[in-house]
Each structure stands twice: as structure tokens, then as C-alpha cells.
């Protein structure tokens, strides 16, 4: 999946695991990602995308959460 993102123009890709936030902060000088794309549909994935994307950001969510949990950012 990361290879496909690179083929379509992603400048950097990060595997979603326990080191994701630190990896994104390191790549961006602590700023956070300029844009994220989340399509997993899991609450954890949405929360992670909100956490790693900088303020005044661009986020694309193409999934529908099945949970009624509140997502805060």
C-alpha cells in the first residue's frame, strides 16, 4: 500500500504502528503532516490521522465510522 502511495505522488509514507506519531513528527520537524488520507473506517485510524496532521491541515476521510464515540481534536 505504501508503494502505491509513492507511485501516486506521496513524498513520504509512514507505516501505521506504535511509532507513527514520532515518525511523522521527525519527518516534519515537529510540525505534523500537511495532509493525511484515512480510509480504514476504524475509530483508531481516524484519531491517529487527526493526531499526526498539523493545525490548518488537509484531511481526507473516505470511510464511515460505525461507532458513536466522540472524536476530539
C-alpha atoms as a PDB file:
ATOM      1  CA  UNK A   1       0.000   0.000   0.000  1.00  0.00           C
ATOM      2  CA  UNK A   2       2.808   2.432   0.779  1.00  0.00           C
ATOM      3  CA  UNK A   3       4.366   1.726  -2.622  1.00  0.00           C
ATOM      4  CA  UNK A   4       1.098   2.659  -4.332  1.00  0.00           C
ATOM      5  CA  UNK A   5       1.002   5.931  -2.396  1.00  0.00           C
ATOM      6  CA  UNK A   6       4.507   6.749  -3.620  1.00  0.00           C
ATOM      7  CA  UNK A   7       3.562   5.937  -7.223  1.00  0.00           C
ATOM      8  CA  UNK A   8       0.708   8.413  -6.941  1.00  0.00           C
ATOM      9  CA  UNK A   9       2.945  11.184  -5.628  1.00  0.00           C
ATOM     10  CA  UNK A  10       3.254  10.806  -1.860  1.00  0.00           C
ATOM     11  CA  UNK A  11       6.531  12.411  -0.852  1.00  0.00           C
ATOM     12  CA  UNK A  12       6.762  10.466   2.424  1.00  0.00           C
ATOM     13  CA  UNK A  13       4.948   7.440   3.762  1.00  0.00           C
ATOM     14  CA  UNK A  14       4.782   6.060   7.296  1.00  0.00           C
ATOM     15  CA  UNK A  15       3.584   2.658   8.425  1.00  0.00           C
ATOM     16  CA  UNK A  16       0.771   2.923  10.971  1.00  0.00           C
ATOM     17  CA  UNK A  17       2.120   1.340  14.148  1.00  0.00           C
ATOM     18  CA  UNK A  18       3.123   2.362  17.664  1.00  0.00           C
ATOM     19  CA  UNK A  19       5.846   4.659  16.243  1.00  0.00           C
ATOM     20  CA  UNK A  20       3.664   6.561  13.787  1.00  0.00           C
ATOM     21  CA  UNK A  21       3.317   9.825  15.708  1.00  0.00           C
ATOM     22  CA  UNK A  22       7.054  10.017  16.443  1.00  0.00           C
ATOM     23  CA  UNK A  23       7.931   9.172  12.828  1.00  0.00           C
ATOM     24  CA  UNK A  24       5.650  11.892  11.460  1.00  0.00           C
ATOM     25  CA  UNK A  25       6.980  14.456  13.941  1.00  0.00           C
ATOM     26  CA  UNK A  26      10.549  13.569  12.938  1.00  0.00           C
ATOM     27  CA  UNK A  27       9.798  13.849   9.213  1.00  0.00           C
ATOM     28  CA  UNK A  28       8.100  17.224   9.657  1.00  0.00           C
ATOM     29  CA  UNK A  29      10.372  18.885  12.190  1.00  0.00           C
ATOM     30  CA  UNK A  30       7.669  18.529  14.847  1.00  0.00           C
ATOM     31  CA  UNK A  31       5.020  20.313  12.784  1.00  0.00           C
ATOM     32  CA  UNK A  32       2.832  17.398  11.709  1.00  0.00           C
ATOM     33  CA  UNK A  33       1.722  16.239   8.267  1.00  0.00           C
ATOM     34  CA  UNK A  34       0.393  18.757   5.750  1.00  0.00           C
ATOM     35  CA  UNK A  35      -2.197  16.243   4.584  1.00  0.00           C
ATOM     36  CA  UNK A  36      -3.483  12.826   5.579  1.00  0.00           C
ATOM     37  CA  UNK A  37      -5.724  10.287   3.890  1.00  0.00           C
ATOM     38  CA  UNK A  38      -7.654   7.844   6.073  1.00  0.00           C
ATOM     39  CA  UNK A  39      -9.881   5.158   4.625  1.00  0.00           C
ATOM     40  CA  UNK A  40      -9.799   2.295   7.140  1.00  0.00           C
ATOM     41  CA  UNK A  41     -13.047   3.207   8.852  1.00  0.00           C
ATOM     42  CA  UNK A  42     -11.701   2.390  12.297  1.00  0.00           C
ATOM     43  CA  UNK A  43     -12.016   4.923  15.086  1.00  0.00           C
ATOM     44  CA  UNK A  44      -8.330   4.409  15.939  1.00  0.00           C
ATOM     45  CA  UNK A  45      -7.308   5.248  12.363  1.00  0.00           C
ATOM     46  CA  UNK A  46      -9.354   8.437  12.357  1.00  0.00           C
ATOM     47  CA  UNK A  47      -7.963   9.506  15.729  1.00  0.00           C
ATOM     48  CA  UNK A  48      -4.413   8.810  14.525  1.00  0.00           C
ATOM     49  CA  UNK A  49      -4.897  10.864  11.360  1.00  0.00           C
ATOM     50  CA  UNK A  50      -6.140  13.778  13.457  1.00  0.00           C
ATOM     51  CA  UNK A  51      -3.168  13.437  15.791  1.00  0.00           C
ATOM     52  CA  UNK A  52      -0.473  13.423  13.101  1.00  0.00           C
ATOM     53  CA  UNK A  53      -1.852  16.183  10.877  1.00  0.00           C
ATOM     54  CA  UNK A  54      -0.745  19.738  11.629  1.00  0.00           C
ATOM     55  CA  UNK A  55      -3.150  22.569  12.531  1.00  0.00           C
ATOM     56  CA  UNK A  56      -4.730  24.249   9.460  1.00  0.00           C
ATOM     57  CA  UNK A  57      -4.444  20.898   7.747  1.00  0.00           C
ATOM     58  CA  UNK A  58      -5.939  18.919   4.934  1.00  0.00           C
ATOM     59  CA  UNK A  59      -7.544  15.618   5.866  1.00  0.00           C
ATOM     60  CA  UNK A  60      -9.405  13.213   3.659  1.00  0.00           C
ATOM     61  CA  UNK A  61     -11.667  10.647   5.289  1.00  0.00           C
ATOM     62  CA  UNK A  62     -13.363   8.258   2.938  1.00  0.00           C
ATOM     63  CA  UNK A  63     -14.901   5.955   5.481  1.00  0.00           C
ATOM     64  CA  UNK A  64     -17.848   5.936   7.804  1.00  0.00           C
ATOM     65  CA  UNK A  65     -17.334   5.160  11.462  1.00  0.00           C
ATOM     66  CA  UNK A  66     -19.731   2.639  12.920  1.00  0.00           C
ATOM     67  CA  UNK A  67     -19.159   3.931  16.432  1.00  0.00           C
ATOM     68  CA  UNK A  68     -20.994   6.708  18.209  1.00  0.00           C
ATOM     69  CA  UNK A  69     -17.816   7.738  20.010  1.00  0.00           C
ATOM     70  CA  UNK A  70     -16.850  11.393  20.029  1.00  0.00           C
ATOM     71  CA  UNK A  71     -13.624  12.172  18.207  1.00  0.00           C
ATOM     72  CA  UNK A  72     -11.804  15.152  19.631  1.00  0.00           C
ATOM     73  CA  UNK A  73      -9.008  17.130  18.002  1.00  0.00           C
END
